[in-house]
Every structure is written in structure tokens, then in C-alpha cells.
N, C-alpha and C. Protein backbone atom coordinates (compact mmCIF):
# COMPACT_ATOMS: atom_id res chain seq x y z
N MET A 1 13.85 9.99 20.04
CA MET A 1 12.43 9.25 19.83
C MET A 1 11.40 10.33 19.98
N ARG A 2 11.66 11.19 20.96
CA ARG A 2 10.66 12.35 21.17
C ARG A 2 10.47 13.06 19.78
N ARG A 3 11.55 13.42 19.02
CA ARG A 3 11.41 14.10 17.68
C ARG A 3 10.38 13.36 16.58
N GLU A 4 10.63 11.91 16.59
CA GLU A 4 9.82 11.26 15.74
C GLU A 4 8.51 11.12 16.21
N LEU A 5 8.26 11.07 17.48
CA LEU A 5 6.83 10.95 17.85
C LEU A 5 6.15 12.33 17.54
N GLU A 6 6.91 13.48 17.79
CA GLU A 6 6.28 14.67 17.40
C GLU A 6 5.97 14.91 15.86
N ILE A 7 6.79 14.39 15.16
CA ILE A 7 6.60 14.32 13.67
C ILE A 7 5.26 13.68 13.26
N LEU A 8 5.32 12.62 13.66
CA LEU A 8 4.15 11.70 13.42
C LEU A 8 2.82 12.29 14.14
N GLU A 9 2.78 12.91 15.28
CA GLU A 9 1.65 13.72 15.73
C GLU A 9 1.12 14.75 14.89
N ARG A 10 2.22 15.68 14.57
CA ARG A 10 1.76 16.70 13.59
C ARG A 10 1.21 16.31 12.30
N LEU A 11 1.80 15.14 11.85
CA LEU A 11 1.31 14.77 10.58
C LEU A 11 -0.07 14.16 10.77
N LYS A 12 -0.35 13.62 11.80
CA LYS A 12 -1.71 13.01 11.89
C LYS A 12 -2.78 14.27 12.01
N LYS A 13 -2.30 15.29 12.77
CA LYS A 13 -3.18 16.29 12.83
C LYS A 13 -3.47 17.08 11.41
N ALA A 14 -2.37 16.91 10.68
CA ALA A 14 -2.44 17.71 9.33
C ALA A 14 -3.21 16.96 8.27
N TYR A 15 -3.39 15.65 8.49
CA TYR A 15 -4.05 14.71 7.52
C TYR A 15 -5.21 13.88 8.45
N PRO A 16 -6.17 14.49 9.03
CA PRO A 16 -6.91 13.77 9.93
C PRO A 16 -7.84 12.72 9.15
N ASP A 17 -8.10 12.76 7.76
CA ASP A 17 -8.93 12.15 7.09
C ASP A 17 -8.29 11.20 6.13
N ALA A 18 -6.83 10.79 6.47
CA ALA A 18 -5.94 10.06 5.58
C ALA A 18 -6.46 8.73 5.59
N ARG A 19 -6.75 8.03 4.48
CA ARG A 19 -7.27 6.67 4.58
C ARG A 19 -6.74 6.02 3.14
N ILE A 20 -7.00 4.77 3.03
CA ILE A 20 -6.65 3.91 1.87
C ILE A 20 -7.50 4.58 0.74
N ALA A 21 -6.72 4.74 -0.54
CA ALA A 21 -7.62 5.37 -1.56
C ALA A 21 -8.07 4.40 -2.40
N LEU A 22 -7.62 3.19 -2.40
CA LEU A 22 -8.30 1.99 -3.29
C LEU A 22 -9.64 1.79 -2.88
N ARG A 23 -10.43 1.65 -3.86
CA ARG A 23 -11.84 1.31 -3.69
C ARG A 23 -12.24 -0.23 -3.74
N PHE A 24 -12.92 -0.62 -2.97
CA PHE A 24 -13.23 -2.12 -2.72
C PHE A 24 -14.35 -2.42 -1.94
N GLU A 25 -15.09 -3.63 -2.24
CA GLU A 25 -16.31 -3.94 -1.59
C GLU A 25 -15.97 -5.18 -0.74
N ASN A 26 -14.98 -5.74 -0.87
CA ASN A 26 -14.63 -7.10 -0.26
C ASN A 26 -13.08 -7.44 -0.09
N PRO A 27 -12.76 -8.40 0.57
CA PRO A 27 -11.17 -8.62 0.70
C PRO A 27 -10.61 -8.93 -0.51
N LEU A 28 -11.45 -9.89 -1.29
CA LEU A 28 -10.96 -10.26 -2.78
C LEU A 28 -10.54 -8.98 -3.67
N GLN A 29 -11.61 -8.18 -3.66
CA GLN A 29 -11.40 -6.77 -4.33
C GLN A 29 -10.18 -6.10 -3.95
N LEU A 30 -10.08 -6.02 -2.65
CA LEU A 30 -8.83 -5.18 -2.03
C LEU A 30 -7.53 -5.91 -2.51
N LEU A 31 -7.42 -7.33 -2.52
CA LEU A 31 -6.26 -7.95 -2.96
C LEU A 31 -5.91 -7.78 -4.27
N ILE A 32 -6.88 -7.87 -5.21
CA ILE A 32 -6.70 -7.63 -6.56
C ILE A 32 -6.30 -6.22 -6.90
N ALA A 33 -6.98 -5.28 -6.15
CA ALA A 33 -6.49 -3.73 -6.34
C ALA A 33 -5.22 -3.47 -5.79
N THR A 34 -4.79 -4.17 -4.86
CA THR A 34 -3.40 -3.89 -4.22
C THR A 34 -2.45 -4.47 -5.16
N ILE A 35 -2.67 -5.63 -5.69
CA ILE A 35 -1.68 -6.25 -6.56
C ILE A 35 -1.55 -5.35 -7.88
N LEU A 36 -2.70 -4.59 -8.37
CA LEU A 36 -2.54 -3.79 -9.46
C LEU A 36 -1.83 -2.54 -9.33
N SER A 37 -1.90 -2.05 -8.02
CA SER A 37 -1.41 -0.74 -7.67
C SER A 37 0.11 -0.72 -7.64
N ALA A 38 0.81 -1.90 -7.79
CA ALA A 38 2.31 -1.84 -7.77
C ALA A 38 2.66 -1.03 -8.94
N GLN A 39 3.49 -0.15 -8.76
CA GLN A 39 4.03 0.80 -9.84
C GLN A 39 3.03 1.45 -10.67
N CYS A 40 1.72 1.75 -9.97
CA CYS A 40 0.68 2.51 -10.65
C CYS A 40 0.04 3.25 -9.63
N THR A 41 -0.79 4.31 -10.11
CA THR A 41 -1.25 5.14 -9.07
C THR A 41 -2.72 4.35 -8.79
N ASP A 42 -2.96 4.79 -7.40
CA ASP A 42 -4.46 4.36 -6.92
C ASP A 42 -5.53 4.96 -7.88
N GLU A 43 -5.36 6.12 -8.36
CA GLU A 43 -6.35 6.58 -9.05
C GLU A 43 -6.62 5.81 -10.40
N ARG A 44 -5.48 5.40 -11.01
CA ARG A 44 -5.53 4.64 -12.22
C ARG A 44 -6.16 3.28 -12.09
N VAL A 45 -5.68 2.62 -10.90
CA VAL A 45 -6.36 1.43 -10.41
C VAL A 45 -8.02 1.45 -10.35
N ASN A 46 -8.33 2.69 -9.52
CA ASN A 46 -9.85 2.90 -9.42
C ASN A 46 -10.60 3.03 -10.64
N ARG A 47 -9.95 3.42 -11.79
CA ARG A 47 -10.74 3.58 -13.04
C ARG A 47 -10.77 2.24 -13.64
N VAL A 48 -9.92 1.26 -13.47
CA VAL A 48 -9.97 -0.13 -14.10
C VAL A 48 -10.91 -0.89 -13.20
N THR A 49 -10.84 -0.91 -11.92
CA THR A 49 -11.44 -2.06 -11.22
C THR A 49 -12.87 -2.26 -11.29
N PRO A 50 -13.75 -1.14 -11.43
CA PRO A 50 -15.14 -1.23 -11.56
C PRO A 50 -15.64 -2.33 -12.54
N GLU A 51 -15.24 -2.12 -13.84
CA GLU A 51 -15.42 -3.17 -14.81
C GLU A 51 -14.86 -4.37 -14.56
N LEU A 52 -13.55 -4.32 -14.01
CA LEU A 52 -12.81 -5.48 -13.77
C LEU A 52 -13.70 -6.51 -12.74
N PHE A 53 -14.28 -5.97 -11.68
CA PHE A 53 -14.85 -6.51 -10.56
C PHE A 53 -16.46 -7.09 -11.17
N ARG A 54 -16.89 -6.28 -12.18
CA ARG A 54 -18.08 -6.83 -12.82
C ARG A 54 -17.96 -8.12 -13.52
N LYS A 55 -16.88 -7.96 -14.26
CA LYS A 55 -16.64 -8.93 -15.25
C LYS A 55 -16.32 -10.27 -14.42
N TYR A 56 -15.39 -10.12 -13.43
CA TYR A 56 -14.86 -11.28 -12.62
C TYR A 56 -15.29 -11.00 -11.25
N PRO A 57 -16.51 -11.70 -10.84
CA PRO A 57 -17.12 -11.33 -9.44
C PRO A 57 -16.48 -12.21 -8.27
N ASP A 58 -15.58 -13.20 -8.57
CA ASP A 58 -15.26 -13.99 -7.53
C ASP A 58 -13.71 -14.52 -7.75
N ALA A 59 -13.32 -15.27 -6.96
CA ALA A 59 -11.91 -15.85 -7.01
C ALA A 59 -11.81 -16.68 -8.22
N ARG A 60 -13.10 -17.67 -8.18
CA ARG A 60 -12.92 -18.71 -9.42
C ARG A 60 -12.97 -17.94 -10.71
N ALA A 61 -13.77 -16.88 -10.84
CA ALA A 61 -13.85 -16.25 -12.00
C ALA A 61 -12.39 -15.77 -12.56
N PHE A 62 -11.75 -15.29 -11.56
CA PHE A 62 -10.30 -14.88 -12.04
C PHE A 62 -9.57 -16.01 -12.25
N ALA A 63 -9.55 -17.22 -11.49
CA ALA A 63 -8.76 -18.27 -11.64
C ALA A 63 -8.97 -18.93 -12.93
N GLU A 64 -10.19 -18.96 -13.56
CA GLU A 64 -10.68 -19.58 -14.77
C GLU A 64 -10.71 -18.50 -16.09
N ALA A 65 -10.10 -17.35 -15.62
CA ALA A 65 -10.00 -16.38 -16.81
C ALA A 65 -9.04 -16.69 -17.81
N ASP A 66 -9.11 -16.44 -19.07
CA ASP A 66 -8.33 -16.43 -20.21
C ASP A 66 -7.13 -15.37 -19.65
N LEU A 67 -6.03 -15.90 -19.59
CA LEU A 67 -4.83 -15.05 -19.33
C LEU A 67 -4.56 -13.88 -20.26
N GLU A 68 -4.60 -14.06 -21.56
CA GLU A 68 -4.42 -12.94 -22.27
C GLU A 68 -5.42 -12.07 -22.14
N GLU A 69 -6.82 -12.52 -22.10
CA GLU A 69 -7.96 -11.53 -21.82
C GLU A 69 -7.66 -10.84 -20.57
N LEU A 70 -7.50 -11.30 -19.57
CA LEU A 70 -7.35 -10.71 -18.25
C LEU A 70 -6.40 -9.68 -18.42
N ALA A 71 -5.11 -10.05 -18.98
CA ALA A 71 -3.95 -9.01 -19.20
C ALA A 71 -4.40 -7.76 -19.74
N GLN A 72 -5.28 -7.94 -20.85
CA GLN A 72 -5.90 -6.90 -21.69
C GLN A 72 -6.83 -6.06 -20.83
N ASP A 73 -7.51 -6.73 -19.76
CA ASP A 73 -8.43 -5.88 -19.11
C ASP A 73 -7.64 -5.09 -18.01
N ILE A 74 -6.64 -5.40 -17.62
CA ILE A 74 -5.82 -4.55 -16.64
C ILE A 74 -4.62 -3.78 -17.18
N ARG A 75 -4.64 -3.77 -18.54
CA ARG A 75 -3.37 -3.29 -19.39
C ARG A 75 -3.07 -1.98 -18.89
N ALA A 76 -4.06 -1.09 -18.47
CA ALA A 76 -3.91 0.29 -18.13
C ALA A 76 -3.12 0.52 -16.82
N THR A 77 -2.98 -0.53 -16.16
CA THR A 77 -2.16 -0.50 -14.91
C THR A 77 -0.81 -0.83 -14.89
N GLY A 78 -0.24 -1.04 -16.08
CA GLY A 78 1.10 -1.18 -16.37
C GLY A 78 1.62 -2.64 -15.67
N PHE A 79 2.53 -3.11 -16.48
CA PHE A 79 3.21 -4.72 -15.98
C PHE A 79 1.96 -5.63 -16.10
N TYR A 80 1.19 -5.48 -17.01
CA TYR A 80 -0.18 -6.11 -16.98
C TYR A 80 -0.05 -7.57 -17.21
N GLN A 81 0.94 -8.11 -18.04
CA GLN A 81 1.16 -9.52 -18.24
C GLN A 81 1.51 -10.14 -17.01
N GLN A 82 2.52 -9.57 -16.15
CA GLN A 82 2.81 -10.22 -14.94
C GLN A 82 1.86 -10.21 -13.89
N LYS A 83 1.13 -8.88 -13.69
CA LYS A 83 0.00 -9.00 -12.80
C LYS A 83 -1.10 -9.94 -13.19
N ALA A 84 -1.42 -10.04 -14.57
CA ALA A 84 -2.41 -11.15 -14.87
C ALA A 84 -2.15 -12.44 -14.35
N ARG A 85 -0.81 -12.91 -14.46
CA ARG A 85 -0.28 -14.01 -13.96
C ARG A 85 -0.43 -14.25 -12.48
N TYR A 86 -0.04 -13.13 -11.75
CA TYR A 86 0.00 -13.13 -10.35
C TYR A 86 -1.63 -13.34 -9.96
N ILE A 87 -2.59 -12.56 -10.66
CA ILE A 87 -3.80 -12.50 -10.16
C ILE A 87 -4.51 -13.93 -10.35
N LYS A 88 -4.25 -14.48 -11.58
CA LYS A 88 -4.92 -15.91 -11.93
C LYS A 88 -4.40 -16.85 -11.02
N GLU A 89 -3.10 -16.95 -10.69
CA GLU A 89 -2.50 -17.93 -10.02
C GLU A 89 -2.91 -17.79 -8.60
N ALA A 90 -3.03 -16.48 -7.97
CA ALA A 90 -3.37 -16.33 -6.52
C ALA A 90 -4.84 -16.75 -6.46
N CYS A 91 -5.63 -16.46 -7.39
CA CYS A 91 -7.08 -16.92 -7.22
C CYS A 91 -7.22 -18.49 -7.29
N ARG A 92 -6.29 -19.00 -8.07
CA ARG A 92 -6.41 -20.49 -8.32
C ARG A 92 -6.09 -21.03 -6.79
N ILE A 93 -5.20 -20.49 -6.17
CA ILE A 93 -4.77 -20.94 -4.85
C ILE A 93 -5.76 -20.66 -3.87
N LEU A 94 -6.54 -19.50 -3.94
CA LEU A 94 -7.60 -19.20 -3.08
C LEU A 94 -8.90 -20.11 -3.37
N VAL A 95 -9.08 -20.49 -4.47
CA VAL A 95 -10.12 -21.65 -4.58
C VAL A 95 -9.87 -22.82 -4.05
N GLU A 96 -8.44 -23.50 -4.40
CA GLU A 96 -8.23 -24.73 -4.00
C GLU A 96 -7.87 -24.99 -2.64
N LYS A 97 -7.30 -23.82 -2.01
CA LYS A 97 -7.02 -24.02 -0.65
C LYS A 97 -7.81 -23.25 0.41
N HIS A 98 -8.46 -22.30 0.19
CA HIS A 98 -9.14 -21.35 0.96
C HIS A 98 -10.65 -21.12 0.60
N GLY A 99 -11.33 -21.98 -0.02
CA GLY A 99 -12.70 -22.01 -0.55
C GLY A 99 -13.11 -20.70 -1.16
N GLY A 100 -12.10 -20.18 -1.90
CA GLY A 100 -12.38 -18.81 -2.60
C GLY A 100 -12.29 -17.93 -1.84
N GLU A 101 -12.00 -17.68 -0.53
CA GLU A 101 -11.85 -16.80 0.53
C GLU A 101 -10.51 -16.27 0.52
N VAL A 102 -10.29 -15.01 0.86
CA VAL A 102 -8.83 -14.23 1.00
C VAL A 102 -8.50 -14.83 2.63
N PRO A 103 -7.60 -15.26 2.78
CA PRO A 103 -7.12 -15.67 4.22
C PRO A 103 -6.89 -14.71 5.16
N LYS A 104 -7.05 -14.74 6.43
CA LYS A 104 -6.97 -13.80 7.45
C LYS A 104 -5.64 -13.73 8.19
N ASN A 105 -4.57 -14.35 7.58
CA ASN A 105 -3.37 -14.40 8.51
C ASN A 105 -2.22 -14.09 7.45
N MET A 106 -1.09 -13.50 7.95
CA MET A 106 0.07 -13.12 7.07
C MET A 106 0.60 -14.32 6.45
N GLU A 107 0.89 -15.44 7.04
CA GLU A 107 1.52 -16.56 6.60
C GLU A 107 0.86 -17.20 5.12
N ALA A 108 -0.39 -17.24 5.31
CA ALA A 108 -1.32 -17.69 4.10
C ALA A 108 -1.21 -16.67 3.04
N LEU A 109 -1.47 -15.47 3.33
CA LEU A 109 -1.32 -14.31 2.26
C LEU A 109 0.10 -14.41 1.57
N LEU A 110 1.21 -14.46 2.30
CA LEU A 110 2.52 -14.53 1.50
C LEU A 110 2.68 -15.57 0.77
N GLU A 111 1.92 -16.65 0.73
CA GLU A 111 2.10 -17.80 -0.18
C GLU A 111 1.42 -17.56 -1.45
N LEU A 112 0.79 -16.40 -1.51
CA LEU A 112 -0.09 -16.12 -2.96
C LEU A 112 0.97 -15.39 -3.77
N PRO A 113 1.13 -15.72 -4.98
CA PRO A 113 2.02 -14.91 -6.07
C PRO A 113 1.40 -13.39 -6.11
N GLY A 114 2.53 -12.63 -6.03
CA GLY A 114 2.35 -11.15 -6.36
C GLY A 114 1.85 -10.42 -4.99
N VAL A 115 2.16 -11.21 -3.84
CA VAL A 115 1.87 -10.69 -2.48
C VAL A 115 3.09 -10.80 -1.77
N ALA A 116 3.54 -9.73 -1.29
CA ALA A 116 4.59 -9.45 -0.23
C ALA A 116 3.88 -8.72 1.01
N ARG A 117 4.81 -8.30 2.02
CA ARG A 117 4.43 -7.99 3.17
C ARG A 117 3.65 -6.64 3.03
N LYS A 118 3.99 -5.74 2.23
CA LYS A 118 2.97 -4.55 1.90
C LYS A 118 1.71 -4.84 1.59
N THR A 119 1.46 -5.60 0.58
CA THR A 119 0.23 -6.03 0.31
C THR A 119 -0.70 -6.84 1.35
N ALA A 120 0.01 -7.83 1.91
CA ALA A 120 -0.51 -8.50 3.02
C ALA A 120 -1.04 -7.58 4.28
N ASN A 121 -0.14 -6.68 4.52
CA ASN A 121 -0.58 -5.74 5.44
C ASN A 121 -1.89 -4.78 5.18
N ILE A 122 -1.75 -4.38 3.88
CA ILE A 122 -2.89 -3.59 3.46
C ILE A 122 -4.16 -4.41 3.70
N VAL A 123 -4.13 -5.57 2.97
CA VAL A 123 -5.36 -6.35 3.07
C VAL A 123 -5.85 -6.86 4.39
N LEU A 124 -4.82 -7.39 5.31
CA LEU A 124 -5.19 -7.72 6.72
C LEU A 124 -5.93 -6.32 7.54
N ALA A 125 -5.28 -5.30 7.45
CA ALA A 125 -5.71 -4.08 8.21
C ALA A 125 -7.09 -3.52 7.58
N ASN A 126 -7.23 -3.41 6.24
CA ASN A 126 -8.29 -2.75 5.68
C ASN A 126 -9.67 -3.55 5.40
N ALA A 127 -9.39 -4.88 5.15
CA ALA A 127 -10.37 -5.95 4.98
C ALA A 127 -10.80 -6.51 6.22
N TYR A 128 -9.63 -6.79 7.19
CA TYR A 128 -10.40 -7.41 8.43
C TYR A 128 -9.94 -6.98 9.69
N GLY A 129 -9.36 -5.66 9.58
CA GLY A 129 -8.97 -5.10 11.03
C GLY A 129 -8.10 -5.76 11.73
N ILE A 130 -7.06 -6.32 11.04
CA ILE A 130 -6.03 -7.04 11.79
C ILE A 130 -4.85 -6.31 11.45
N VAL A 131 -4.03 -5.81 12.33
CA VAL A 131 -2.73 -4.96 12.17
C VAL A 131 -1.60 -5.74 12.48
N GLU A 132 -0.76 -6.19 11.60
CA GLU A 132 0.24 -6.93 12.06
C GLU A 132 1.56 -6.17 11.78
N GLY A 133 1.50 -5.05 10.93
CA GLY A 133 2.59 -4.44 10.55
C GLY A 133 2.21 -3.05 9.87
N ILE A 134 3.16 -2.43 9.11
CA ILE A 134 3.13 -1.08 8.44
C ILE A 134 3.42 -1.26 6.85
N PRO A 135 2.72 -1.17 5.97
CA PRO A 135 2.95 -1.24 4.65
C PRO A 135 3.78 -0.25 4.22
N VAL A 136 5.11 -0.57 3.55
CA VAL A 136 5.97 0.31 2.88
C VAL A 136 5.86 0.45 1.64
N ASP A 137 5.28 1.64 0.83
CA ASP A 137 5.17 1.84 -0.51
C ASP A 137 6.25 2.91 -0.83
N THR A 138 6.36 3.38 -1.97
CA THR A 138 7.26 4.53 -2.45
C THR A 138 7.08 5.64 -1.63
N HIS A 139 6.06 6.07 -1.30
CA HIS A 139 5.87 7.17 -0.44
C HIS A 139 6.35 7.04 0.93
N VAL A 140 5.93 6.08 1.56
CA VAL A 140 6.25 5.75 2.82
C VAL A 140 7.99 5.57 2.95
N ARG A 141 8.44 5.00 1.89
CA ARG A 141 9.86 4.82 1.77
C ARG A 141 10.61 5.90 1.77
N ARG A 142 10.12 6.82 0.96
CA ARG A 142 10.72 8.20 0.64
C ARG A 142 10.67 9.14 1.98
N LEU A 143 9.54 9.27 2.59
CA LEU A 143 9.26 9.92 3.74
C LEU A 143 10.14 9.46 4.97
N ALA A 144 10.29 8.18 5.04
CA ALA A 144 10.93 7.30 6.15
C ALA A 144 12.53 7.88 6.13
N HIS A 145 13.05 7.90 4.95
CA HIS A 145 14.39 8.40 4.59
C HIS A 145 14.56 9.99 4.84
N ARG A 146 13.70 10.98 4.43
CA ARG A 146 13.78 12.25 4.47
C ARG A 146 13.69 12.54 5.87
N LEU A 147 12.69 12.01 6.72
CA LEU A 147 12.24 12.46 8.05
C LEU A 147 13.25 11.76 8.86
N GLY A 148 14.11 11.12 8.49
CA GLY A 148 15.02 10.29 9.41
C GLY A 148 14.45 9.34 10.35
N LEU A 149 13.63 8.51 9.71
CA LEU A 149 12.88 7.72 10.45
C LEU A 149 13.39 6.33 10.10
N SER A 150 14.16 6.04 8.98
CA SER A 150 14.97 4.79 8.80
C SER A 150 15.95 5.22 7.85
N ARG A 151 17.21 4.49 7.83
CA ARG A 151 18.22 4.60 6.90
C ARG A 151 18.32 3.32 5.94
N GLU A 152 17.14 2.36 6.16
CA GLU A 152 17.34 1.15 5.34
C GLU A 152 16.97 1.34 3.96
N LYS A 153 17.19 0.62 3.18
CA LYS A 153 16.69 0.58 1.75
C LYS A 153 15.43 -0.50 1.43
N ASP A 154 15.77 -1.63 2.14
CA ASP A 154 14.75 -2.94 2.07
C ASP A 154 13.67 -2.53 2.69
N PRO A 155 12.31 -2.78 2.12
CA PRO A 155 10.94 -2.29 2.60
C PRO A 155 10.73 -3.17 4.02
N GLU A 156 11.05 -4.09 4.11
CA GLU A 156 10.94 -5.00 5.28
C GLU A 156 11.68 -4.47 6.59
N LYS A 157 13.02 -3.95 6.15
CA LYS A 157 13.71 -3.46 7.07
C LYS A 157 13.22 -2.06 7.61
N ILE A 158 12.69 -1.22 6.60
CA ILE A 158 12.19 0.10 6.94
C ILE A 158 11.00 -0.32 7.78
N GLU A 159 10.15 -1.20 7.43
CA GLU A 159 8.96 -1.53 8.14
C GLU A 159 9.34 -1.86 9.67
N ARG A 160 10.34 -2.57 9.95
CA ARG A 160 10.70 -2.97 11.23
C ARG A 160 11.17 -1.66 12.08
N ASP A 161 12.03 -0.70 11.38
CA ASP A 161 12.23 0.51 11.95
C ASP A 161 10.99 1.48 12.28
N LEU A 162 9.98 1.43 11.48
CA LEU A 162 8.83 2.13 11.80
C LEU A 162 8.03 1.51 12.79
N MET A 163 7.92 0.17 12.89
CA MET A 163 7.22 -0.56 13.95
C MET A 163 8.00 -0.24 15.34
N ALA A 164 9.17 -0.05 15.37
CA ALA A 164 9.78 0.17 16.51
C ALA A 164 9.75 1.55 17.18
N LEU A 165 9.36 2.58 16.22
CA LEU A 165 9.19 4.03 16.51
C LEU A 165 7.73 4.39 16.78
N ILE A 166 6.74 3.70 15.98
CA ILE A 166 5.50 4.24 16.16
C ILE A 166 4.69 3.33 17.02
N PRO A 167 3.77 3.97 17.94
CA PRO A 167 2.96 3.09 18.83
C PRO A 167 2.00 2.26 17.91
N ARG A 168 1.93 1.14 18.38
CA ARG A 168 1.02 -0.06 17.64
C ARG A 168 -0.25 0.53 17.33
N GLU A 169 -0.98 1.49 17.98
CA GLU A 169 -2.31 1.83 17.67
C GLU A 169 -2.30 2.83 16.47
N ASP A 170 -1.15 3.21 16.21
CA ASP A 170 -1.08 3.96 14.92
C ASP A 170 -0.55 3.40 13.79
N TRP A 171 -0.28 2.09 13.78
CA TRP A 171 0.21 1.36 12.64
C TRP A 171 -0.57 1.42 11.39
N ALA A 172 -1.96 1.36 11.66
CA ALA A 172 -3.07 1.30 10.47
C ALA A 172 -3.08 2.51 9.94
N VAL A 173 -2.99 3.63 10.66
CA VAL A 173 -3.27 4.92 9.88
C VAL A 173 -1.88 5.53 9.32
N ILE A 174 -0.83 5.32 9.95
CA ILE A 174 0.24 6.06 9.43
C ILE A 174 0.80 6.04 8.17
N PRO A 175 0.72 4.74 7.42
CA PRO A 175 1.10 4.87 6.15
C PRO A 175 0.37 5.64 5.34
N TYR A 176 -1.03 5.80 5.54
CA TYR A 176 -1.84 6.69 4.69
C TYR A 176 -1.62 8.31 5.02
N VAL A 177 -1.16 8.62 6.34
CA VAL A 177 -0.74 9.98 6.71
C VAL A 177 0.48 10.12 5.84
N LEU A 178 1.33 9.23 5.88
CA LEU A 178 2.65 9.56 5.05
C LEU A 178 2.40 9.55 3.71
N GLN A 179 1.45 8.79 3.09
CA GLN A 179 1.18 8.85 1.68
C GLN A 179 0.63 10.34 1.40
N ALA A 180 -0.47 10.70 2.18
CA ALA A 180 -0.88 11.97 1.90
C ALA A 180 0.01 13.06 1.94
N HIS A 181 1.02 13.01 2.89
CA HIS A 181 2.04 14.05 3.00
C HIS A 181 2.98 13.92 1.68
N GLY A 182 3.27 12.82 1.43
CA GLY A 182 4.09 12.52 0.28
C GLY A 182 3.35 13.03 -1.03
N ARG A 183 2.23 12.99 -1.27
CA ARG A 183 1.56 13.33 -2.54
C ARG A 183 1.26 14.95 -2.50
N LYS A 184 1.12 15.48 -1.20
CA LYS A 184 0.82 16.89 -1.25
C LYS A 184 1.88 17.90 -0.94
N VAL A 185 2.85 17.41 -0.19
CA VAL A 185 3.98 18.29 0.16
C VAL A 185 5.33 17.67 -0.05
N CYS A 186 5.58 16.57 0.64
CA CYS A 186 6.95 16.04 0.54
C CYS A 186 7.01 15.21 -0.88
N THR A 187 6.70 15.78 -2.01
CA THR A 187 6.88 15.14 -3.23
C THR A 187 8.21 14.68 -3.66
N ALA A 188 8.35 13.99 -4.68
CA ALA A 188 9.74 13.08 -4.95
C ALA A 188 10.71 14.18 -5.53
N ARG A 189 10.28 14.97 -6.56
CA ARG A 189 11.00 15.99 -6.98
C ARG A 189 11.25 17.30 -6.37
N LYS A 190 10.04 17.91 -6.28
CA LYS A 190 10.28 19.24 -5.49
C LYS A 190 9.50 19.30 -4.26
N PRO A 191 9.92 18.75 -3.21
CA PRO A 191 8.97 18.90 -2.02
C PRO A 191 8.92 20.47 -1.45
N LYS A 192 7.67 20.65 -1.31
CA LYS A 192 7.29 22.15 -0.79
C LYS A 192 7.68 22.33 0.61
N CYS A 193 8.79 22.31 0.93
CA CYS A 193 9.26 22.45 2.47
C CYS A 193 8.71 23.63 3.29
N GLU A 194 8.49 24.77 2.54
CA GLU A 194 7.96 25.87 3.16
C GLU A 194 6.63 25.77 3.65
N ARG A 195 5.75 24.69 3.18
CA ARG A 195 4.43 24.40 3.53
C ARG A 195 4.47 23.35 4.42
N CYS A 196 5.51 22.73 4.86
CA CYS A 196 5.57 21.53 5.69
C CYS A 196 5.42 21.81 7.23
N PRO A 197 4.55 21.04 7.85
CA PRO A 197 4.35 21.32 9.25
C PRO A 197 5.39 20.69 10.05
N VAL A 198 6.35 19.91 9.47
CA VAL A 198 7.43 19.33 10.43
C VAL A 198 8.76 19.69 9.79
N LYS A 199 8.83 20.80 9.00
CA LYS A 199 10.16 21.39 8.56
C LYS A 199 11.22 21.57 9.65
N ASP A 200 10.75 22.02 10.85
CA ASP A 200 11.74 22.26 11.94
C ASP A 200 12.25 21.02 12.58
N LEU A 201 11.66 19.92 12.30
CA LEU A 201 12.05 18.71 12.66
C LEU A 201 12.43 17.63 11.66
N CYS A 202 12.70 18.10 10.41
CA CYS A 202 12.95 17.21 9.55
C CYS A 202 14.40 17.45 9.07
N PRO A 203 15.36 16.57 9.25
CA PRO A 203 16.75 16.51 8.75
C PRO A 203 17.09 16.84 7.37
N SER A 204 16.18 16.78 6.33
CA SER A 204 16.31 16.97 4.98
C SER A 204 15.82 18.40 4.45
N ALA A 205 15.12 18.93 5.43
CA ALA A 205 14.44 20.40 4.95
C ALA A 205 15.41 21.13 4.56
N GLY A 206 16.59 21.43 5.28
CA GLY A 206 17.71 22.49 4.81
C GLY A 206 18.06 22.52 3.34
N GLU A 207 18.40 21.27 2.97
CA GLU A 207 18.84 21.11 1.56
C GLU A 207 17.76 21.58 0.52
N HIS A 208 16.48 21.24 0.78
CA HIS A 208 15.49 21.56 -0.18
C HIS A 208 15.10 23.02 0.10
N LEU A 209 14.98 23.39 1.05
CA LEU A 209 14.70 24.89 1.38
C LEU A 209 15.83 25.72 0.56
N ALA A 210 17.05 25.34 0.67
CA ALA A 210 18.14 26.12 0.27
C ALA A 210 17.89 26.16 -1.29
């Protein structure tokens, strides 16, 4: 446990400004942006959303959108047909069940199409300051494995492992710290272990340094 906490403390110091990269002005925009970010970079999502949010200013506008037109509006984010269906149906539910507002609880968020725990955790923490868990994306999953924080493959099981290791007050920041480290140093193909502030604590460093 001491090793894991030391890893997390060093990474927090290395990335003191780590925060969510998606740009949004309200909970609905964050929900839409997070759905769009699936298998797409945050940078690309941020290029698409300004015009998207001007065109569709609220949940009703998304719910009433022409599905094919909406799909074309988000085409650059990939998997756009499926994402358009998710967004349109999720917003229909928001209008019909929640007055067009994004709910503030995990259970209601998980009822929305295209929303699993990762998205729900991101929305709750960053839109409402409600921290119920740790969102696990591709960077968090990769680093959890490489750093020996979890051996699980399922994101929800990885999340449970991380929640058991990480103090609750760090749950909101640690995914963005791991993302920053994953983008800058612990990259998928060629991790830069020689530059890593935790290489002496990382069980994977030897194979990559070799």
C-alpha cells in the first residue's frame, strides 16, 4: 500500500495542474462531450462541440434533432451514427423525465443511453462536485496495469481496485493525473521510462527500459 500511495503522490506533484480537458459550460454540454469522447481524443471533441452547442443549445434541441443531421454534425468524432442515437435518446429522456436537466445521481445517469460509470463519474464530479467513484478510460486502464494498481480488465473492477487504494479526497483528481502521465510519458507504444518520476516504483519499468 505504501508503494501505491508514493506513486500517486509523486504523480500528483508532477502534474499539479491536471484537470479535465473537455470544454463545457454546463452539465448537459459535459454529458454530450463525454459521450462524444468515447474512442476519440478530447482535442477533436473540443473542435466539434462549439458549433454543436450553438446549433443545439439545450436537451430539447438535441431530442428533436434530425438523427442523420446530428450524426453528420458529430461525424469527426467517429462512431457518429451510434453516438447520435445515444445523444438524441438520452436527451429525450432528460426532457421527459428530468425537465431537460442532467440528473445529479449515479442511478439516474446510468439509465441514459451511452452512459456507463465512466461518463457518469465525469459528469457528477466536474459538473456538480459529487465524487462517487473514479472514471476509468484507456489511459487510466493502461497505467493501472503498468503501475501494478490493478490486474483487472473490466473498467468497473479496475475502478473498485483504485477506490480501495486511493484516498477518497483524491478520487476527483487522480484520473486526470494518470491521463496526463499517460499522454506525456507512459504512452501506449513507447513509454518514456527514463523520464518517469516513478520508474523506481513501477513493476513494468524494467521491460521498457531494457
